[in-house]
Amino acid sequence: SIIADDDNVAVEAHWAGKLAVPLGTLSAGAEMKAAFAMFFRCREGRISSQRNYDCFYSV
């Protein structure tokens, strides 16, 4: 989902990927999933600031 108002943009995204190498208790090849909320402020057609809030799902 994306919503914009003037120079502010909010994005909600979902991501999934397979690990190429082990990470913590996860082995290589395990799938990781996450949800993100990203907030951008634009100035003169360019991103002037960005904040991310990440939530990685437990496996």
N, C-alpha and C. Protein backbone atom coordinates (compact mmCIF):
# COMPACT_ATOMS: atom_id res chain seq x y z
N SER A 1 0.85 -1.18 0.00
CA SER A 1 0.00 0.00 0.00
C SER A 1 0.88 1.23 0.00
N ILE A 2 0.45 2.24 -0.73
CA ILE A 2 1.16 3.52 -0.76
C ILE A 2 0.12 4.64 -0.66
N ILE A 3 0.44 5.63 0.16
CA ILE A 3 -0.41 6.82 0.25
C ILE A 3 0.51 8.04 0.29
N ALA A 4 0.10 9.10 -0.41
CA ALA A 4 0.93 10.30 -0.46
C ALA A 4 0.06 11.53 -0.23
N ASP A 5 0.66 12.53 0.40
CA ASP A 5 0.00 13.80 0.65
C ASP A 5 1.07 14.88 0.64
N ASP A 6 0.98 15.78 -0.31
CA ASP A 6 2.00 16.82 -0.48
C ASP A 6 3.38 16.17 -0.61
N ASP A 7 4.29 16.46 0.31
CA ASP A 7 5.66 15.95 0.24
C ASP A 7 5.87 14.72 1.11
N ASN A 8 4.80 14.12 1.62
CA ASN A 8 4.91 12.96 2.51
C ASN A 8 4.35 11.71 1.81
N VAL A 9 5.08 10.60 1.95
CA VAL A 9 4.66 9.33 1.35
C VAL A 9 4.80 8.24 2.41
N ALA A 10 3.78 7.39 2.53
CA ALA A 10 3.82 6.25 3.45
C ALA A 10 3.67 4.98 2.61
N VAL A 11 4.50 3.97 2.92
CA VAL A 11 4.49 2.71 2.19
C VAL A 11 4.40 1.56 3.18
N GLU A 12 3.50 0.61 2.91
CA GLU A 12 3.46 -0.65 3.67
C GLU A 12 3.89 -1.74 2.70
N ALA A 13 4.89 -2.53 3.09
CA ALA A 13 5.41 -3.57 2.19
C ALA A 13 5.61 -4.87 2.93
N HIS A 14 5.49 -5.96 2.20
CA HIS A 14 5.76 -7.30 2.73
C HIS A 14 6.89 -7.89 1.90
N TRP A 15 7.77 -8.64 2.55
CA TRP A 15 8.96 -9.17 1.91
C TRP A 15 9.18 -10.60 2.37
N ALA A 16 9.71 -11.41 1.47
CA ALA A 16 10.10 -12.78 1.81
C ALA A 16 11.33 -13.12 0.98
N GLY A 17 12.24 -13.88 1.59
CA GLY A 17 13.44 -14.29 0.88
C GLY A 17 14.07 -15.50 1.54
N LYS A 18 14.87 -16.22 0.76
CA LYS A 18 15.59 -17.38 1.31
C LYS A 18 17.00 -16.97 1.69
N LEU A 19 17.44 -17.45 2.85
CA LEU A 19 18.77 -17.12 3.34
C LEU A 19 19.84 -17.84 2.52
N ALA A 20 20.86 -17.12 2.12
CA ALA A 20 21.99 -17.71 1.40
C ALA A 20 22.98 -18.31 2.40
N VAL A 21 23.00 -17.77 3.61
CA VAL A 21 23.91 -18.24 4.66
C VAL A 21 23.11 -18.39 5.95
N PRO A 22 23.59 -19.15 6.91
CA PRO A 22 22.88 -19.27 8.19
C PRO A 22 22.80 -17.91 8.90
N LEU A 23 21.72 -17.72 9.65
CA LEU A 23 21.55 -16.50 10.43
C LEU A 23 20.89 -16.87 11.75
N GLY A 24 21.61 -16.69 12.83
CA GLY A 24 21.08 -17.06 14.15
C GLY A 24 20.73 -18.53 14.18
N THR A 25 19.47 -18.83 14.51
CA THR A 25 19.04 -20.23 14.58
C THR A 25 18.53 -20.74 13.24
N LEU A 26 18.51 -19.89 12.22
CA LEU A 26 18.02 -20.28 10.90
C LEU A 26 19.16 -20.80 10.03
N SER A 27 18.90 -21.87 9.31
CA SER A 27 19.93 -22.43 8.44
C SER A 27 19.83 -21.81 7.05
N ALA A 28 20.90 -21.94 6.27
CA ALA A 28 20.90 -21.47 4.89
C ALA A 28 19.74 -22.16 4.16
N GLY A 29 19.01 -21.43 3.34
CA GLY A 29 17.87 -21.97 2.62
C GLY A 29 16.54 -21.74 3.33
N ALA A 30 16.58 -21.37 4.62
CA ALA A 30 15.34 -21.07 5.36
C ALA A 30 14.73 -19.79 4.80
N GLU A 31 13.41 -19.69 4.88
CA GLU A 31 12.73 -18.50 4.41
C GLU A 31 12.52 -17.51 5.55
N MET A 32 12.80 -16.24 5.27
CA MET A 32 12.51 -15.16 6.22
C MET A 32 11.39 -14.33 5.62
N LYS A 33 10.51 -13.83 6.50
CA LYS A 33 9.42 -12.95 6.07
C LYS A 33 9.41 -11.72 6.96
N ALA A 34 9.01 -10.60 6.38
CA ALA A 34 8.98 -9.37 7.15
C ALA A 34 7.90 -8.44 6.59
N ALA A 35 7.47 -7.53 7.44
CA ALA A 35 6.57 -6.45 7.04
C ALA A 35 7.27 -5.14 7.38
N PHE A 36 7.09 -4.15 6.54
CA PHE A 36 7.75 -2.87 6.72
C PHE A 36 6.75 -1.74 6.58
N ALA A 37 6.96 -0.69 7.36
CA ALA A 37 6.27 0.58 7.15
C ALA A 37 7.39 1.59 6.92
N MET A 38 7.31 2.30 5.80
CA MET A 38 8.35 3.27 5.44
C MET A 38 7.70 4.62 5.21
N PHE A 39 8.32 5.64 5.75
CA PHE A 39 7.78 6.99 5.64
C PHE A 39 8.84 7.89 5.01
N PHE A 40 8.47 8.55 3.92
CA PHE A 40 9.39 9.40 3.18
C PHE A 40 8.91 10.84 3.21
N ARG A 41 9.84 11.76 3.25
CA ARG A 41 9.54 13.17 3.04
C ARG A 41 10.36 13.59 1.83
N CYS A 42 9.71 14.26 0.90
CA CYS A 42 10.38 14.68 -0.33
C CYS A 42 10.52 16.20 -0.36
N ARG A 43 11.59 16.63 -1.00
CA ARG A 43 11.84 18.05 -1.17
C ARG A 43 12.47 18.25 -2.55
N GLU A 44 11.90 19.10 -3.34
CA GLU A 44 12.39 19.40 -4.70
C GLU A 44 12.54 18.12 -5.53
N GLY A 45 11.57 17.21 -5.41
CA GLY A 45 11.56 16.00 -6.22
C GLY A 45 12.49 14.89 -5.77
N ARG A 46 13.13 15.06 -4.61
CA ARG A 46 14.05 14.05 -4.09
C ARG A 46 13.67 13.68 -2.66
N ILE A 47 14.02 12.48 -2.24
CA ILE A 47 13.76 12.05 -0.87
C ILE A 47 14.69 12.81 0.06
N SER A 48 14.13 13.53 1.02
CA SER A 48 14.95 14.29 1.96
C SER A 48 15.09 13.58 3.31
N SER A 49 14.13 12.68 3.62
CA SER A 49 14.27 11.87 4.84
C SER A 49 13.47 10.59 4.67
N GLN A 50 13.90 9.57 5.41
CA GLN A 50 13.23 8.26 5.37
C GLN A 50 13.30 7.63 6.74
N ARG A 51 12.16 7.08 7.19
CA ARG A 51 12.10 6.31 8.44
C ARG A 51 11.52 4.95 8.12
N ASN A 52 12.11 3.90 8.66
CA ASN A 52 11.64 2.53 8.44
C ASN A 52 11.29 1.89 9.77
N TYR A 53 10.22 1.12 9.77
CA TYR A 53 9.83 0.32 10.92
C TYR A 53 9.65 -1.10 10.41
N ASP A 54 10.54 -2.00 10.85
CA ASP A 54 10.61 -3.36 10.35
C ASP A 54 10.06 -4.35 11.37
N CYS A 55 9.38 -5.36 10.89
CA CYS A 55 8.87 -6.43 11.74
C CYS A 55 9.17 -7.76 11.06
N PHE A 56 10.18 -8.47 11.56
CA PHE A 56 10.53 -9.78 11.00
C PHE A 56 9.73 -10.84 11.73
N TYR A 57 9.03 -11.67 10.97
CA TYR A 57 8.20 -12.73 11.55
C TYR A 57 9.06 -13.84 12.11
N SER A 58 8.62 -14.45 13.21
CA SER A 58 9.32 -15.61 13.77
C SER A 58 9.08 -16.81 12.87
N VAL A 59 10.02 -17.69 12.92
CA VAL A 59 9.91 -18.89 12.09
C VAL A 59 9.49 -20.05 12.96
